[in-house]
């Protein structure tokens, strides 16, 4: 019996040693493979609300940015339309140079013209300068029939480039022919930087 006990003890020791080695291996695998992953999962769970909040803020900022871009496109389009209504300095010179023929196309005659440019420019804000605007004024006296003067005013008003009629005065020039003398003060604004724009 004692020999059986010794064999049984050896077997028990061997089994205990095998079980201990397996337990140590399982514990080592747990510490090397599973425990770090559990730590990562806990960290993700702790930071998940922060990540969700950041994703929500990013979505709101993206939506706001899209709205701002749309507003910028709208403002740029409006600026381009406004700029198209103004003369460039070259266009203003050409218009003023051809003013007599412009007036005569309506049947009126130019009795006198006085050209002045006040050289005013737009204000500047810090380092960002607004496009300079040069204002030209024409004191124009024309003679013609009432319908011819009306046609001249309509042509000035319907011109693609804006021409402001600052004042208009009529008086009878010739009683027999019914011709009128019309004194006009015309204002032209020329933008010297028509190509200026803001980058996105």
Protein backbone atom coordinates (compact mmCIF):
# COMPACT_ATOMS: atom_id res chain seq x y z
CA UNK A 1 0.00 0.00 0.00
CA UNK A 2 2.75 2.33 0.68
CA UNK A 3 4.10 1.83 -2.79
CA UNK A 4 0.69 2.72 -4.13
CA UNK A 5 0.68 5.77 -1.96
CA UNK A 6 4.06 6.87 -3.25
CA UNK A 7 2.94 6.39 -6.85
CA UNK A 8 -0.27 8.22 -6.07
CA UNK A 9 1.67 11.02 -4.43
CA UNK A 10 3.98 11.30 -7.41
CA UNK A 11 0.99 11.39 -9.68
CA UNK A 12 -0.69 13.99 -7.49
CA UNK A 13 2.46 16.08 -7.46
CA UNK A 14 2.75 15.78 -11.21
CA UNK A 15 -0.93 16.70 -11.64
CA UNK A 16 -0.58 19.58 -9.18
CA UNK A 17 2.51 20.79 -11.02
CA UNK A 18 0.71 20.58 -14.38
CA UNK A 19 -2.31 22.39 -12.98
CA UNK A 20 -0.05 25.04 -11.44
CA UNK A 21 1.76 25.52 -14.78
CA UNK A 22 -1.56 25.79 -16.61
CA UNK A 23 -2.86 28.25 -14.00
CA UNK A 24 0.33 30.35 -14.29
CA UNK A 25 0.05 30.27 -18.11
CA UNK A 26 -3.63 31.29 -17.97
CA UNK A 27 -2.81 34.10 -15.51
CA UNK A 28 0.08 35.30 -17.69
CA UNK A 29 -2.09 35.23 -20.82
CA UNK A 30 -4.80 37.12 -18.96
CA UNK A 31 -2.32 39.81 -17.86
CA UNK A 32 -0.63 40.07 -21.29
CA UNK A 33 -3.65 39.82 -23.57
CA UNK A 34 -6.98 40.35 -21.86
CA UNK A 35 -6.20 42.81 -19.07
CA UNK A 36 -4.79 45.55 -21.39
CA UNK A 37 -7.82 45.18 -23.67
CA UNK A 38 -10.15 45.55 -20.70
CA UNK A 39 -8.22 48.68 -19.69
CA UNK A 40 -8.67 50.10 -23.17
CA UNK A 41 -12.37 49.29 -23.08
CA UNK A 42 -12.76 51.02 -19.70
CA UNK A 43 -10.90 54.09 -21.03
CA UNK A 44 -13.12 54.18 -24.12
CA UNK A 45 -16.21 53.91 -21.94
CA UNK A 46 -14.96 56.79 -19.77
CA UNK A 47 -14.15 58.99 -22.78
CA UNK A 48 -17.15 58.01 -24.91
CA UNK A 49 -19.28 60.94 -23.64
CA UNK A 50 -16.44 63.32 -24.52
CA UNK A 51 -16.13 61.79 -27.98
CA UNK A 52 -19.91 61.99 -28.49
CA UNK A 53 -19.94 65.64 -27.39
CA UNK A 54 -17.06 66.47 -29.73
CA UNK A 55 -18.83 64.72 -32.63
CA UNK A 56 -22.00 66.72 -31.88
CA UNK A 57 -20.02 69.99 -31.74
CA UNK A 58 -18.26 69.11 -34.99
CA UNK A 59 -21.64 68.49 -36.62
CA UNK A 60 -23.00 71.84 -35.36
CA UNK A 61 -19.85 73.68 -36.49
CA UNK A 62 -20.03 71.98 -39.90
CA UNK A 63 -23.68 73.02 -40.29
CA UNK A 64 -22.87 76.56 -39.20
CA UNK A 65 -19.91 76.65 -41.58
CA UNK A 66 -22.13 75.56 -44.47
CA UNK A 67 -24.58 78.38 -43.65
CA UNK A 68 -21.71 80.90 -43.46
CA UNK A 69 -20.35 79.70 -46.81
CA UNK A 70 -23.80 80.11 -48.36
CA UNK A 71 -24.06 83.63 -46.89
CA UNK A 72 -20.59 84.43 -48.24
CA UNK A 73 -21.59 83.23 -51.73
CA UNK A 74 -24.76 85.35 -51.56
CA UNK A 75 -22.82 88.42 -50.41
CA UNK A 76 -20.22 87.91 -53.14
CA UNK A 77 -22.96 87.65 -55.76
CA UNK A 78 -24.60 90.84 -54.44
CA UNK A 79 -21.23 92.60 -54.39
CA UNK A 80 -20.56 91.56 -57.99
CA UNK A 81 -24.00 92.82 -59.04
CA UNK A 82 -23.40 96.12 -57.24
CA UNK A 83 -19.92 96.50 -58.73
CA UNK A 84 -21.34 95.85 -62.20
CA UNK A 85 -23.55 98.91 -61.75
CA UNK A 86 -20.54 101.20 -61.28
CA UNK A 87 -18.16 102.56 -63.87
CA UNK A 88 -14.50 101.72 -63.99
CA UNK A 89 -12.32 104.83 -64.36
CA UNK A 90 -11.80 103.98 -68.04
CA UNK A 91 -15.55 103.49 -68.63
CA UNK A 92 -16.28 106.80 -66.88
CA UNK A 93 -13.75 108.61 -69.10
CA UNK A 94 -15.26 107.01 -72.21
CA UNK A 95 -18.81 107.89 -71.15
CA UNK A 96 -17.88 111.49 -70.39
CA UNK A 97 -15.95 111.72 -73.68
CA UNK A 98 -19.00 110.49 -75.60
CA UNK A 99 -21.54 112.49 -73.57
CA UNK A 100 -22.30 114.89 -76.39
CA UNK A 101 -23.19 112.10 -78.83
CA UNK A 102 -25.17 110.36 -76.05
CA UNK A 103 -27.24 113.54 -75.60
CA UNK A 104 -27.61 114.19 -79.34
CA UNK A 105 -28.99 110.67 -79.94
CA UNK A 106 -32.14 111.85 -78.13
CA UNK A 107 -32.46 114.95 -80.34
CA UNK A 108 -31.25 117.37 -77.66
CA UNK A 109 -28.35 119.76 -78.16
CA UNK A 110 -25.60 120.34 -75.59
CA UNK A 111 -25.55 124.03 -74.66
CA UNK A 112 -22.84 123.69 -72.06
CA UNK A 113 -20.98 121.16 -69.93
CA UNK A 114 -18.69 121.55 -66.96
CA UNK A 115 -16.79 118.45 -65.83
CA UNK A 116 -15.42 118.06 -62.32
CA UNK A 117 -13.91 115.17 -60.42
CA UNK A 118 -13.73 115.58 -56.68
CA UNK A 119 -11.32 112.67 -56.28
CA UNK A 120 -13.13 111.35 -53.21
CA UNK A 121 -12.25 107.82 -52.29
CA UNK A 122 -13.83 105.28 -50.02
CA UNK A 123 -12.79 105.08 -46.36
CA UNK A 124 -10.23 102.60 -45.11
CA UNK A 125 -10.55 100.29 -42.12
CA UNK A 126 -7.21 99.43 -40.58
CA UNK A 127 -5.17 97.40 -43.05
CA UNK A 128 -8.21 96.40 -45.13
CA UNK A 129 -8.92 99.15 -47.63
CA UNK A 130 -12.27 99.39 -49.33
CA UNK A 131 -12.30 99.83 -53.08
CA UNK A 132 -11.61 103.50 -53.83
CA UNK A 133 -14.51 105.36 -55.39
CA UNK A 134 -13.87 108.39 -57.59
CA UNK A 135 -16.85 110.69 -58.01
CA UNK A 136 -17.26 112.77 -61.16
CA UNK A 137 -19.81 115.53 -61.53
CA UNK A 138 -21.10 117.00 -64.79
CA UNK A 139 -23.03 120.26 -64.86
CA UNK A 140 -24.84 119.75 -68.15
CA UNK A 141 -27.10 122.18 -69.98
CA UNK A 142 -29.14 120.79 -72.87
CA UNK A 143 -31.75 122.33 -75.15
CA UNK A 144 -34.57 120.34 -76.70
CA UNK A 145 -38.27 119.61 -76.85
CA UNK A 146 -39.99 118.25 -73.73
CA UNK A 147 -40.23 114.71 -75.15
CA UNK A 148 -36.55 114.79 -76.16
CA UNK A 149 -35.48 115.86 -72.66
CA UNK A 150 -37.72 113.15 -71.20
CA UNK A 151 -36.07 110.60 -73.52
CA UNK A 152 -32.63 111.80 -72.37
CA UNK A 153 -33.59 111.35 -68.71
CA UNK A 154 -34.98 107.89 -69.45
CA UNK A 155 -31.75 106.90 -71.22
CA UNK A 156 -29.70 108.16 -68.26
CA UNK A 157 -31.91 106.20 -65.86
CA UNK A 158 -31.88 102.99 -67.92
CA UNK A 159 -28.13 103.04 -68.54
CA UNK A 160 -26.49 99.78 -67.40
CA UNK A 161 -23.96 101.75 -65.38
CA UNK A 162 -25.49 103.96 -62.71
CA UNK A 163 -25.72 107.66 -63.39
CA UNK A 164 -27.31 109.77 -60.67
CA UNK A 165 -29.27 112.85 -61.69
CA UNK A 166 -28.57 115.08 -58.69
CA UNK A 167 -30.74 117.94 -59.91
CA UNK A 168 -32.82 118.81 -62.93
CA UNK A 169 -34.15 122.27 -63.75
CA UNK A 170 -36.27 123.26 -66.76
CA UNK A 171 -36.98 126.68 -68.22
CA UNK A 172 -38.38 127.85 -71.51
CA UNK A 173 -35.55 128.60 -73.96
CA UNK A 174 -37.56 129.65 -77.02
CA UNK A 175 -41.24 130.54 -76.82
CA UNK A 176 -41.89 130.16 -80.57
CA UNK A 177 -40.34 126.69 -80.98
CA UNK A 178 -41.30 125.45 -77.50
CA UNK A 179 -37.73 124.37 -76.85
CA UNK A 180 -36.71 123.99 -73.22
CA UNK A 181 -33.40 124.48 -71.51
CA UNK A 182 -32.63 121.73 -69.01
CA UNK A 183 -29.86 122.10 -66.45
CA UNK A 184 -28.73 118.76 -65.09
CA UNK A 185 -26.19 117.82 -62.47
CA UNK A 186 -25.03 114.27 -63.18
CA UNK A 187 -22.98 112.23 -60.71
CA UNK A 188 -20.91 109.22 -61.77
CA UNK A 189 -19.09 106.95 -59.35
CA UNK A 190 -16.15 104.92 -60.63
CA UNK A 191 -14.62 102.01 -58.72
CA UNK A 192 -10.93 101.81 -59.42
CA UNK A 193 -10.66 98.22 -58.16
CA UNK A 194 -13.41 96.22 -59.82
CA UNK A 195 -11.55 92.93 -59.48
CA UNK A 196 -11.12 93.00 -55.68
CA UNK A 197 -12.56 90.04 -53.82
CA UNK A 198 -12.20 88.11 -50.60
CA UNK A 199 -10.64 84.63 -50.64
CA UNK A 200 -12.52 81.74 -49.11
